Every structure is written in C-alpha cells, then in structure tokens.
N, C-alpha and C. Protein backbone atom coordinates (compact mmCIF):
# COMPACT_ATOMS: atom_id res chain seq x y z
N UNK A 1 -2.31 -10.49 -16.82
CA UNK A 1 -0.61 -9.84 -16.30
C UNK A 1 -1.39 -9.66 -14.87
N UNK A 2 -0.16 -10.29 -14.04
CA UNK A 2 0.12 -9.69 -12.33
C UNK A 2 0.86 -8.69 -12.24
N UNK A 3 0.78 -8.10 -11.07
CA UNK A 3 1.85 -7.28 -10.63
C UNK A 3 2.46 -7.20 -9.12
N UNK A 4 3.15 -6.66 -9.00
CA UNK A 4 3.60 -6.64 -7.28
C UNK A 4 4.26 -5.56 -7.28
N UNK A 5 3.70 -5.12 -6.11
CA UNK A 5 4.35 -3.45 -5.58
C UNK A 5 4.93 -3.70 -4.00
N UNK A 6 6.30 -4.19 -3.78
CA UNK A 6 6.95 -4.62 -2.96
C UNK A 6 6.77 -3.53 -1.59
N UNK A 7 6.29 -2.83 -1.24
CA UNK A 7 5.69 -1.61 -0.58
C UNK A 7 4.51 -1.66 0.02
N UNK A 8 4.21 -1.28 1.35
CA UNK A 8 2.67 -1.39 2.15
C UNK A 8 2.49 0.17 2.51
N UNK A 9 3.16 0.85 2.23
CA UNK A 9 3.12 2.31 1.96
C UNK A 9 3.30 2.83 0.50
N UNK A 10 1.73 3.38 0.43
CA UNK A 10 1.66 4.40 -0.70
C UNK A 10 2.77 6.10 -0.77
N UNK A 11 3.60 6.01 -1.60
CA UNK A 11 4.59 7.12 -1.74
C UNK A 11 5.02 7.11 -2.82
N UNK A 12 5.71 8.01 -3.66
CA UNK A 12 6.04 8.53 -5.11
C UNK A 12 7.09 7.44 -5.49
N UNK A 13 7.89 6.82 -4.73
CA UNK A 13 8.77 5.41 -5.36
C UNK A 13 8.77 4.18 -4.71
N UNK A 14 6.96 3.94 -4.78
CA UNK A 14 6.41 2.82 -4.26
C UNK A 14 6.19 2.09 -5.91
N UNK A 15 7.15 1.62 -6.70
CA UNK A 15 6.88 1.12 -8.06
C UNK A 15 6.25 0.04 -8.03
N UNK A 16 5.20 -0.59 -9.30
CA UNK A 16 4.36 -1.39 -9.20
C UNK A 16 5.37 -2.31 -10.46
N UNK A 17 5.48 -3.32 -10.45
CA UNK A 17 6.10 -4.45 -11.52
C UNK A 17 5.73 -5.40 -11.44
N UNK A 18 6.33 -6.23 -12.61
CA UNK A 18 5.68 -7.16 -12.95
C UNK A 18 5.88 -8.29 -12.24
N UNK A 19 5.52 -9.67 -12.24
CA UNK A 19 5.71 -10.86 -11.69
C UNK A 19 6.55 -11.85 -12.63
N UNK A 20 7.89 -11.94 -12.48
CA UNK A 20 7.98 -13.49 -13.27
C UNK A 20 7.93 -14.80 -12.96
N UNK A 21 7.57 -15.68 -13.32
CA UNK A 21 7.28 -17.14 -13.06
C UNK A 21 8.14 -18.00 -13.62
N UNK A 22 8.47 -18.95 -13.20
CA UNK A 22 9.26 -19.55 -13.24
C UNK A 22 8.70 -20.38 -14.70
N UNK A 23 9.41 -20.72 -15.96
CA UNK A 23 9.39 -21.56 -16.81
C UNK A 23 9.21 -23.56 -16.33
N UNK A 24 9.53 -23.37 -15.88
CA UNK A 24 9.85 -25.28 -15.55
C UNK A 24 10.10 -25.21 -13.61
N UNK A 25 9.58 -25.92 -12.91
CA UNK A 25 9.70 -25.86 -11.32
C UNK A 25 10.77 -25.49 -10.80
N UNK A 26 10.58 -24.95 -10.07
CA UNK A 26 11.36 -23.94 -9.07
C UNK A 26 10.78 -23.89 -7.69
N UNK A 27 12.21 -23.74 -6.57
CA UNK A 27 11.26 -23.15 -5.61
C UNK A 27 11.93 -21.83 -5.08
N UNK A 28 11.01 -21.43 -4.06
CA UNK A 28 11.74 -20.25 -3.49
C UNK A 28 13.15 -20.55 -2.66
N UNK A 29 14.06 -19.38 -2.81
CA UNK A 29 14.95 -19.37 -2.20
C UNK A 29 15.32 -19.38 -0.43
N UNK A 30 15.71 -19.74 0.47
CA UNK A 30 15.72 -19.52 1.76
C UNK A 30 16.00 -18.43 2.04
N UNK A 31 15.95 -18.01 3.45
CA UNK A 31 16.06 -16.61 4.14
C UNK A 31 17.74 -16.23 3.68
N UNK A 32 18.71 -17.07 3.74
CA UNK A 32 20.04 -16.97 3.72
C UNK A 32 20.20 -17.59 2.40
N UNK A 33 19.68 -17.96 1.13
CA UNK A 33 20.21 -18.14 -0.27
C UNK A 33 20.07 -17.27 -0.89
N UNK A 34 20.87 -16.93 -1.92
CA UNK A 34 20.82 -15.58 -3.38
C UNK A 34 20.16 -16.43 -4.40
N UNK A 35 19.08 -15.44 -4.73
CA UNK A 35 17.94 -16.16 -5.47
C UNK A 35 18.77 -16.51 -6.79
N UNK A 36 18.03 -17.40 -7.71
CA UNK A 36 18.62 -17.71 -9.04
C UNK A 36 18.39 -16.47 -9.98
N UNK A 37 17.77 -15.32 -9.73
CA UNK A 37 17.60 -14.34 -10.49
C UNK A 37 18.96 -13.56 -10.49
N UNK A 38 19.38 -13.88 -9.20
CA UNK A 38 20.57 -13.06 -8.93
C UNK A 38 21.71 -13.46 -9.48
N UNK A 39 21.64 -14.71 -9.99
CA UNK A 39 22.89 -15.07 -11.21
C UNK A 39 23.35 -14.90 -12.60
N UNK A 40 21.70 -14.18 -13.04
CA UNK A 40 22.02 -13.93 -14.86
C UNK A 40 22.47 -12.96 -15.04
N UNK A 41 22.96 -11.89 -14.31
CA UNK A 41 23.57 -10.81 -14.90
C UNK A 41 24.77 -10.28 -14.28
N UNK A 42 25.90 -9.74 -15.13
CA UNK A 42 26.77 -9.26 -14.42
C UNK A 42 26.67 -7.88 -13.22
N UNK A 43 25.44 -7.19 -13.43
CA UNK A 43 25.99 -6.21 -12.76
C UNK A 43 23.90 -6.24 -11.78
N UNK A 44 23.48 -5.44 -10.87
CA UNK A 44 22.99 -4.96 -10.48
C UNK A 44 22.35 -3.63 -9.87
N UNK A 45 21.53 -2.75 -9.69
CA UNK A 45 20.84 -1.68 -9.14
C UNK A 45 20.65 -2.20 -7.60
N UNK A 46 21.21 -1.56 -6.77
CA UNK A 46 20.57 -1.51 -5.30
C UNK A 46 20.00 -0.20 -4.84
N UNK A 47 19.15 -0.20 -4.06
CA UNK A 47 18.91 1.01 -3.58
C UNK A 47 18.34 0.94 -2.32
N UNK A 48 19.03 1.39 -1.00
CA UNK A 48 19.07 1.14 0.21
C UNK A 48 17.43 2.36 0.89
N UNK A 49 16.68 1.70 1.46
CA UNK A 49 15.63 2.39 2.19
C UNK A 49 15.47 2.38 3.74
N UNK A 50 15.04 3.88 3.94
CA UNK A 50 14.88 3.98 5.40
C UNK A 50 13.41 2.81 6.06
N UNK A 51 13.46 3.24 7.63
CA UNK A 51 11.89 2.22 8.01
C UNK A 51 10.94 2.24 7.64
N UNK A 52 10.28 3.70 7.09
CA UNK A 52 9.42 4.25 6.73
C UNK A 52 9.21 4.31 5.20
N UNK A 53 10.01 3.03 4.91
CA UNK A 53 9.92 2.89 3.22
C UNK A 53 10.61 3.82 2.46
N UNK A 54 11.13 4.68 2.79
CA UNK A 54 11.40 5.80 2.02
C UNK A 54 13.27 5.82 1.33
N UNK A 55 13.10 5.88 0.06
CA UNK A 55 14.86 5.78 -0.43
C UNK A 55 15.64 6.69 0.00
N UNK A 56 16.44 6.21 0.38
CA UNK A 56 17.87 6.76 1.41
C UNK A 56 18.72 7.29 0.02
N UNK A 57 18.56 8.61 -0.28
CA UNK A 57 19.35 9.49 -1.07
C UNK A 57 20.73 8.89 -0.86
N UNK A 58 21.87 8.74 -1.90
CA UNK A 58 22.91 8.47 -2.02
C UNK A 58 23.67 7.10 -1.78
N UNK A 59 22.21 6.16 -1.52
CA UNK A 59 22.88 4.34 -1.57
C UNK A 59 22.33 4.14 -2.62
N UNK A 60 21.94 4.26 -3.77
CA UNK A 60 21.54 3.26 -4.85
C UNK A 60 22.91 3.44 -5.90
N UNK A 61 22.89 2.77 -5.83
CA UNK A 61 24.19 2.36 -7.02
C UNK A 61 24.22 0.79 -8.25
N UNK A 62 24.79 1.51 -9.26
CA UNK A 62 24.93 -0.15 -9.94
C UNK A 62 26.18 -0.61 -9.64
N UNK A 63 26.26 -1.97 -9.05
CA UNK A 63 27.21 -2.84 -8.48
C UNK A 63 27.52 -4.02 -9.41
N UNK A 64 28.74 -4.24 -9.74
CA UNK A 64 28.80 -5.54 -10.49
C UNK A 64 29.14 -6.83 -9.34
N UNK A 65 28.49 -7.85 -9.91
CA UNK A 65 28.08 -8.91 -9.18
C UNK A 65 29.20 -9.57 -7.90
N UNK A 66 30.43 -8.87 -8.66
CA UNK A 66 31.52 -9.62 -7.63
C UNK A 66 31.91 -8.88 -6.50
N UNK A 67 31.27 -7.55 -6.51
CA UNK A 67 31.25 -6.35 -5.03
C UNK A 67 29.44 -6.88 -4.72
N UNK A 68 28.99 -7.46 -5.32
CA UNK A 68 27.42 -7.25 -4.40
C UNK A 68 27.31 -7.55 -3.34
N UNK A 69 28.06 -8.73 -2.36
CA UNK A 69 27.95 -9.08 -1.07
C UNK A 69 28.72 -8.42 -0.33
N UNK A 70 29.64 -7.56 -0.36
CA UNK A 70 30.57 -6.18 0.31
C UNK A 70 29.42 -5.44 0.41
N UNK A 71 29.18 -4.68 -1.08
CA UNK A 71 28.18 -3.12 -0.98
C UNK A 71 26.87 -3.96 -0.06
N UNK A 72 26.25 -4.76 -0.32
CA UNK A 72 24.78 -5.19 0.60
C UNK A 72 25.29 -5.05 2.05
N UNK A 73 26.26 -5.73 2.75
CA UNK A 73 27.09 -5.86 3.95
C UNK A 73 27.26 -4.49 4.46
N UNK A 74 27.55 -3.60 3.38
CA UNK A 74 27.73 -2.10 3.72
C UNK A 74 26.79 -1.69 4.13
N UNK A 75 25.71 -1.36 3.55
CA UNK A 75 24.33 -0.62 3.61
C UNK A 75 23.67 -1.66 4.86
N UNK A 76 23.70 -2.60 4.91
CA UNK A 76 22.90 -3.35 6.13
C UNK A 76 23.14 -2.97 7.10
N UNK A 77 24.56 -2.77 7.12
CA UNK A 77 25.35 -2.13 9.06
C UNK A 77 24.95 -1.00 9.02
N UNK A 78 24.67 -0.52 8.40
CA UNK A 78 24.09 0.99 9.29
C UNK A 78 22.63 1.39 9.88
N UNK A 79 22.68 1.89 10.71
CA UNK A 79 21.64 1.94 11.42
C UNK A 79 20.07 2.62 11.06
N UNK A 80 20.51 3.40 9.79
CA UNK A 80 19.16 4.28 9.40
C UNK A 80 18.99 3.75 8.39
N UNK A 81 19.57 2.69 8.23
CA UNK A 81 18.59 2.03 6.43
C UNK A 81 17.91 0.50 7.28
N UNK A 82 16.56 0.35 6.51
CA UNK A 82 16.00 -0.89 7.16
C UNK A 82 16.36 -2.48 5.76
N UNK A 83 16.12 -1.79 4.53
CA UNK A 83 15.98 -2.71 4.06
C UNK A 83 17.04 -2.69 2.62
N UNK A 84 17.11 -2.91 1.35
CA UNK A 84 17.95 -3.04 0.31
C UNK A 84 17.02 -3.62 -0.61
N UNK A 85 16.87 -2.85 -1.90
CA UNK A 85 16.01 -3.18 -2.70
C UNK A 85 17.17 -3.80 -3.62
N UNK A 86 17.04 -4.83 -4.48
CA UNK A 86 17.78 -5.34 -5.65
C UNK A 86 17.38 -5.12 -7.31
N UNK A 87 17.46 -4.50 -8.24
CA UNK A 87 16.78 -4.36 -9.25
C UNK A 87 17.47 -4.88 -10.32
N UNK A 88 17.16 -4.69 -11.88
CA UNK A 88 17.76 -5.05 -13.03
C UNK A 88 18.64 -3.40 -13.10
N UNK A 89 19.91 -3.78 -13.53
CA UNK A 89 20.65 -2.43 -14.07
C UNK A 89 20.32 -2.05 -15.07
N UNK A 90 19.83 -2.84 -15.84
CA UNK A 90 19.69 -2.47 -17.50
C UNK A 90 17.86 -1.84 -17.58
N UNK A 91 16.73 -2.46 -16.64
CA UNK A 91 15.25 -2.44 -16.68
C UNK A 91 14.64 -1.69 -15.79
N UNK A 92 15.61 -1.75 -14.61
CA UNK A 92 14.95 -1.31 -13.10
C UNK A 92 13.92 -1.79 -12.62
N UNK A 93 14.00 -3.42 -13.43
CA UNK A 93 12.73 -4.27 -12.60
C UNK A 93 13.34 -4.58 -11.21
N UNK A 94 12.31 -4.56 -10.52
CA UNK A 94 11.98 -5.09 -9.01
C UNK A 94 12.61 -6.62 -8.93
N UNK A 95 13.62 -6.65 -8.28
CA UNK A 95 14.39 -8.49 -8.48
C UNK A 95 13.60 -8.97 -6.73
N UNK A 96 14.34 -8.34 -5.75
CA UNK A 96 14.58 -9.04 -4.45
C UNK A 96 14.28 -8.09 -3.37
N UNK A 97 14.23 -8.18 -1.99
CA UNK A 97 14.50 -7.43 -0.73
C UNK A 97 15.19 -7.77 -0.13
N UNK A 98 16.43 -7.49 0.41
CA UNK A 98 17.44 -8.15 1.66
C UNK A 98 16.96 -7.02 2.79
N UNK A 99 16.98 -7.63 3.91
CA UNK A 99 16.59 -7.35 4.88
C UNK A 99 17.52 -7.44 6.11
N UNK A 100 17.94 -7.00 7.17
CA UNK A 100 18.39 -7.62 8.64
C UNK A 100 18.19 -9.02 8.53
N UNK A 101 19.02 -9.75 9.01
CA UNK A 101 18.56 -10.86 9.49
C UNK A 101 18.29 -11.02 11.04
N UNK A 102 17.33 -11.19 12.04
CA UNK A 102 16.87 -11.14 13.32
C UNK A 102 17.30 -12.47 13.88
C-alpha cells in the first residue's frame, strides 16, 4: 500500500491517505486542466487553507459539481488563503489541490 500526505508541515489536519492508480494508461493533467477524478461525482468537499497549511475555518463545504468553478474562484480570490484541497464528499479522500496560478 502506498500513501500520500499533501502537507509539508505536520499538524493535526495533515491527513495521510491512499494513492489511487489508473487501471489503464493515463496522463497527469496540465496545470489548467480539471483532473479526470473530478468528473466522477456530482459533488465534492472543498477545504481552503492558509499559507501555513492550516484549515481556514468556515471555508469547508460540500459543493455540487455545477457550482464548483465559481466556489473555487471565490476562495482563491481571497488574500488570506493559499490553496484549496478537493476531497471526496462521501469518503473524505483527498483528490487534488488547487493553488493560485502565478
């Protein structure tokens, strides 16, 4: 079994989770593409974090796929947030991270 912790700083919310591998050949998405894993569910859990990798309370929400882009844009427009993690709404598994584009 292989696991991943998408945080460089150990803290109570730096969860470690499994790595899912494609069954057949697949390529990593570019920096501007939506990963395939985000096309499978009707909703996702979004959590925003500060630059010190701490959850910004009040930013967590289960968001329907059709509202996904607008919710991400609103969170990433905030100067007090550094990135947004996207998780499974049903199992809380970490799926991917969205950061400010520089």
